[in-house]
């Protein structure tokens, strides 16, 4: 009898998100598939220490997002023995990197799950404004106490639905991160340096977002309208981070998608 191997799922966490925050999903899917959680924080910490000016960064050109995404993929391939085809799940920043990988190697990906991820800014002015913002945050992370900068970071509107305890939990979980790695992520994987994509390769794609996150709900609706292979899953009573706010619901959504053998 032929042995059928389990499908592989590669998970790309969001900005500053420790891989431990995905362990519950790895365990929940363990019987059905093999999960690889990419440690973007560790990857970023191994790169040249970024300065406050983007020009001083290892990935310093206008194509830095694509170059850094490709370098991350090369690091993943060196570390893991991945099958020819796998499923790819990315949240927020990780979703944007997943989108880049899907553009670069659509033949490797049999299922794409994007959670609260941005297709990129279209207007040049908006890109430049975001680049300046990310550079300013990078400077703060490198020059000010990490706890204070994290306090400021989680006051942003995208985290408005977090209560005081949830916000404090996020801060506590990130106090062990390297400020250098955080700054590097901002200066390479920041939204301002990402190309604008309104189309995805014809890969079956699920876009998950919370209905309370109006910005990404609107993005998901637009993407689903423009791409017939993208299915929108908009979850009531959830904000930007569905997989943490409603893990049982998130698992019920993605398990049938990710555990199929293609």
Protein backbone atom coordinates (compact mmCIF):
# COMPACT_ATOMS: atom_id res chain seq x y z
CA UNK A 1 0.00 0.00 0.00
CA UNK A 2 1.31 3.42 -0.92
CA UNK A 3 1.98 5.70 2.04
CA UNK A 4 0.44 9.15 1.65
CA UNK A 5 2.48 11.84 3.34
CA UNK A 6 0.83 14.61 5.27
CA UNK A 7 0.53 18.02 3.58
CA UNK A 8 2.93 20.73 4.69
CA UNK A 9 1.85 24.18 5.86
CA UNK A 10 4.33 27.05 6.07
CA UNK A 11 3.23 29.80 8.49
CA UNK A 12 4.53 33.38 8.30
CA UNK A 13 3.78 35.34 11.51
CA UNK A 14 3.03 39.05 11.68
CA UNK A 15 5.32 41.90 12.65
CA UNK A 16 7.08 41.16 15.97
CA UNK A 17 4.91 38.06 16.45
CA UNK A 18 6.79 35.30 18.30
CA UNK A 19 6.52 31.83 16.77
CA UNK A 20 5.22 30.60 20.15
CA UNK A 21 1.95 32.39 19.43
CA UNK A 22 1.31 29.87 16.63
CA UNK A 23 2.15 26.74 18.65
CA UNK A 24 -1.50 26.11 19.45
CA UNK A 25 -2.24 25.80 15.71
CA UNK A 26 0.77 23.56 15.08
CA UNK A 27 -0.52 21.20 17.79
CA UNK A 28 -4.13 21.38 16.60
CA UNK A 29 -3.15 20.39 13.05
CA UNK A 30 -0.42 17.90 14.00
CA UNK A 31 -2.38 14.77 13.10
CA UNK A 32 -3.38 16.09 9.69
CA UNK A 33 -0.40 18.09 8.45
CA UNK A 34 3.16 19.19 9.12
CA UNK A 35 3.47 22.85 10.11
CA UNK A 36 6.59 24.98 9.74
CA UNK A 37 6.46 28.33 11.54
CA UNK A 38 9.03 30.74 10.10
CA UNK A 39 10.87 32.74 12.77
CA UNK A 40 11.02 36.12 11.04
CA UNK A 41 12.27 37.75 14.24
CA UNK A 42 15.30 35.43 14.36
CA UNK A 43 15.93 35.85 10.64
CA UNK A 44 15.91 39.63 10.96
CA UNK A 45 18.26 39.55 13.95
CA UNK A 46 20.95 37.82 11.88
CA UNK A 47 21.15 40.56 9.28
CA UNK A 48 23.29 43.67 9.23
CA UNK A 49 22.26 46.07 11.96
CA UNK A 50 20.11 48.74 10.30
CA UNK A 51 20.70 52.43 10.88
CA UNK A 52 18.04 55.09 11.17
CA UNK A 53 18.45 55.97 7.49
CA UNK A 54 17.07 53.34 5.06
CA UNK A 55 20.12 53.88 2.77
CA UNK A 56 22.34 52.33 5.46
CA UNK A 57 20.30 49.13 5.54
CA UNK A 58 21.52 45.93 3.86
CA UNK A 59 18.38 45.99 1.74
CA UNK A 60 18.53 49.66 0.86
CA UNK A 61 17.07 50.02 -2.61
CA UNK A 62 13.53 50.58 -3.79
CA UNK A 63 13.23 46.81 -4.33
CA UNK A 64 14.14 45.99 -0.74
CA UNK A 65 10.85 44.27 0.13
CA UNK A 66 11.19 41.79 -2.74
CA UNK A 67 14.90 41.24 -2.05
CA UNK A 68 14.34 40.66 1.68
CA UNK A 69 11.40 38.32 0.99
CA UNK A 70 13.58 36.30 -1.40
CA UNK A 71 16.39 36.16 1.19
CA UNK A 72 13.93 34.90 3.79
CA UNK A 73 12.75 32.18 1.42
CA UNK A 74 16.35 31.10 0.78
CA UNK A 75 16.90 30.87 4.54
CA UNK A 76 13.75 28.77 4.95
CA UNK A 77 14.80 26.40 2.18
CA UNK A 78 18.21 25.94 3.80
CA UNK A 79 16.66 25.19 7.19
CA UNK A 80 13.76 22.95 6.21
CA UNK A 81 13.23 20.13 3.76
CA UNK A 82 10.03 21.32 2.14
CA UNK A 83 8.06 19.29 -0.41
CA UNK A 84 7.64 20.50 -3.96
CA UNK A 85 4.20 21.85 -3.06
CA UNK A 86 2.91 23.20 0.23
CA UNK A 87 0.24 25.47 1.67
CA UNK A 88 1.15 28.95 2.83
CA UNK A 89 -0.48 30.91 5.67
CA UNK A 90 0.51 34.50 6.44
CA UNK A 91 -0.77 37.05 8.91
CA UNK A 92 -0.44 40.83 8.39
CA UNK A 93 3.26 41.42 7.54
CA UNK A 94 3.65 37.67 7.10
CA UNK A 95 0.73 37.72 4.69
CA UNK A 96 2.45 40.38 2.62
CA UNK A 97 5.60 38.25 2.46
CA UNK A 98 3.43 35.25 1.53
CA UNK A 99 1.98 37.33 -1.30
CA UNK A 100 5.53 38.03 -2.56
CA UNK A 101 6.36 34.32 -2.44
CA UNK A 102 3.17 33.52 -4.34
CA UNK A 103 4.23 35.95 -7.06
CA UNK A 104 7.73 34.48 -7.24
CA UNK A 105 6.86 30.75 -7.16
CA UNK A 106 3.14 30.11 -7.72
CA UNK A 107 3.90 26.53 -8.82
CA UNK A 108 5.07 25.65 -5.28
CA UNK A 109 1.94 26.80 -3.44
CA UNK A 110 -1.28 24.78 -3.58
CA UNK A 111 -3.30 26.81 -1.04
CA UNK A 112 -2.82 30.36 0.22
CA UNK A 113 -4.39 31.75 3.40
CA UNK A 114 -3.99 35.48 4.01
CA UNK A 115 -5.12 37.05 7.26
CA UNK A 116 -5.52 40.84 7.48
CA UNK A 117 -2.87 41.51 4.87
CA UNK A 118 -2.41 44.59 2.67
CA UNK A 119 -1.87 44.38 -1.12
CA UNK A 120 0.40 47.44 -1.04
CA UNK A 121 -0.06 51.17 -1.34
CA UNK A 122 -0.85 52.46 -4.82
CA UNK A 123 -0.06 56.19 -4.57
CA UNK A 124 3.59 57.27 -4.45
CA UNK A 125 2.78 59.92 -1.83
CA UNK A 126 1.23 57.28 0.40
CA UNK A 127 4.27 55.02 -0.02
CA UNK A 128 6.67 57.83 0.89
CA UNK A 129 4.57 58.80 3.91
CA UNK A 130 4.57 55.22 5.17
CA UNK A 131 8.32 54.89 4.57
CA UNK A 132 8.90 57.97 6.70
CA UNK A 133 6.62 56.61 9.41
CA UNK A 134 8.32 53.20 9.48
CA UNK A 135 11.75 54.86 9.57
CA UNK A 136 10.66 56.99 12.53
CA UNK A 137 9.38 53.92 14.37
CA UNK A 138 12.65 52.11 13.59
CA UNK A 139 14.57 54.98 15.18
CA UNK A 140 12.35 54.82 18.26
CA UNK A 141 12.82 51.08 18.65
CA UNK A 142 16.61 51.46 18.47
CA UNK A 143 17.01 54.50 20.69
CA UNK A 144 14.26 54.34 23.34
CA UNK A 145 13.33 51.75 25.99
CA UNK A 146 11.57 48.86 24.29
CA UNK A 147 8.72 48.75 26.80
CA UNK A 148 7.90 52.43 26.19
CA UNK A 149 7.93 52.09 22.40
CA UNK A 150 5.73 48.99 22.57
CA UNK A 151 3.27 50.95 24.72
CA UNK A 152 3.11 53.56 21.97
CA UNK A 153 2.91 50.96 19.20
CA UNK A 154 -0.15 49.24 20.63
CA UNK A 155 -2.02 52.52 20.95
CA UNK A 156 -2.45 52.62 17.17
CA UNK A 157 -5.94 52.39 15.72
CA UNK A 158 -5.47 48.93 14.22
CA UNK A 159 -5.28 47.59 17.80
CA UNK A 160 -8.29 49.55 19.08
CA UNK A 161 -10.33 46.44 19.86
CA UNK A 162 -7.70 45.09 22.30
CA UNK A 163 -8.62 45.54 25.94
CA UNK A 164 -6.05 46.67 28.50
CA UNK A 165 -5.03 43.15 29.50
CA UNK A 166 -4.69 41.91 25.91
CA UNK A 167 -2.57 44.94 25.06
CA UNK A 168 -0.33 44.32 28.08
CA UNK A 169 0.00 40.65 27.15
CA UNK A 170 1.22 41.60 23.67
CA UNK A 171 3.79 43.97 25.16
CA UNK A 172 5.07 41.42 27.67
CA UNK A 173 5.45 38.74 24.99
CA UNK A 174 7.60 41.06 22.87
CA UNK A 175 9.97 42.44 25.52
CA UNK A 176 12.54 39.75 24.74
CA UNK A 177 12.79 40.73 21.06
CA UNK A 178 15.85 42.40 19.63
CA UNK A 179 15.28 46.11 18.86
CA UNK A 180 17.66 45.60 15.92
CA UNK A 181 15.46 42.84 14.50
CA UNK A 182 12.36 44.98 14.96
CA UNK A 183 13.97 47.93 13.18
CA UNK A 184 15.16 45.71 10.36
CA UNK A 185 11.66 44.40 9.78
CA UNK A 186 10.30 47.93 9.58
CA UNK A 187 13.01 49.04 7.15
CA UNK A 188 12.71 46.04 4.82
CA UNK A 189 9.27 44.47 5.19
CA UNK A 190 7.45 47.75 5.90
CA UNK A 191 4.33 48.45 3.87
CA UNK A 192 5.87 51.56 2.29
CA UNK A 193 8.50 49.47 0.46
CA UNK A 194 6.10 46.78 -0.71
CA UNK A 195 4.96 46.85 -4.35
CA UNK A 196 1.26 47.31 -4.97
CA UNK A 197 -0.47 44.11 -6.04
CA UNK A 198 -4.15 43.96 -6.88
CA UNK A 199 -3.89 40.52 -8.48
CA UNK A 200 -2.70 37.16 -7.20
CA UNK A 201 -1.60 34.17 -9.27
CA UNK A 202 -4.40 31.66 -9.78
CA UNK A 203 -3.80 29.90 -6.46
CA UNK A 204 -6.84 28.98 -4.33
CA UNK A 205 -6.79 31.73 -1.73
CA UNK A 206 -8.71 32.42 1.48
CA UNK A 207 -8.66 35.97 2.80
CA UNK A 208 -9.59 36.14 6.51
CA UNK A 209 -10.35 39.35 8.36
CA UNK A 210 -12.39 40.60 11.29
CA UNK A 211 -15.51 42.65 10.65
CA UNK A 212 -14.44 45.11 13.36
CA UNK A 213 -11.34 45.89 11.30
CA UNK A 214 -13.09 48.01 8.70
CA UNK A 215 -9.92 48.84 6.77
CA UNK A 216 -8.98 45.22 6.09
CA UNK A 217 -12.58 44.16 5.62
CA UNK A 218 -12.78 46.66 2.76
CA UNK A 219 -9.49 45.38 1.36
CA UNK A 220 -10.73 41.78 1.52
CA UNK A 221 -13.97 42.68 -0.25
CA UNK A 222 -12.08 44.45 -3.02
CA UNK A 223 -9.60 41.61 -3.50
CA UNK A 224 -12.38 39.01 -3.66
CA UNK A 225 -14.22 41.13 -6.23
CA UNK A 226 -11.10 41.45 -8.40
CA UNK A 227 -9.90 37.84 -8.11
CA UNK A 228 -12.33 34.98 -8.63
CA UNK A 229 -9.97 32.51 -6.87
CA UNK A 230 -9.98 34.54 -3.63
CA UNK A 231 -12.69 33.70 -1.12
CA UNK A 232 -13.41 36.18 1.64
CA UNK A 233 -14.03 35.01 5.23
CA UNK A 234 -15.12 38.03 7.25
CA UNK A 235 -15.60 37.20 10.92
CA UNK A 236 -18.05 39.08 13.14
CA UNK A 237 -16.88 40.41 16.52
CA UNK A 238 -13.22 40.14 15.51
CA UNK A 239 -10.60 42.76 14.80
CA UNK A 240 -7.20 42.61 13.08
CA UNK A 241 -5.96 39.36 14.66
CA UNK A 242 -8.60 36.69 14.17
CA UNK A 243 -6.29 33.76 14.96
CA UNK A 244 -5.69 35.06 18.49
CA UNK A 245 -9.09 36.60 19.18
CA UNK A 246 -11.07 33.53 18.07
CA UNK A 247 -8.70 30.56 17.72
CA UNK A 248 -11.45 27.92 17.57
CA UNK A 249 -13.23 29.77 14.80
CA UNK A 250 -9.96 30.34 12.95
CA UNK A 251 -9.09 26.65 13.16
CA UNK A 252 -12.52 25.63 11.89
CA UNK A 253 -12.06 27.93 8.89
CA UNK A 254 -8.60 26.90 7.82
CA UNK A 255 -8.34 23.21 8.77
CA UNK A 256 -10.41 21.98 5.79
CA UNK A 257 -8.29 24.12 3.46
CA UNK A 258 -4.84 23.26 4.77
CA UNK A 259 -5.21 19.55 5.47
CA UNK A 260 -6.11 18.51 1.94
CA UNK A 261 -3.60 16.50 -0.06
CA UNK A 262 -3.24 18.05 -3.50
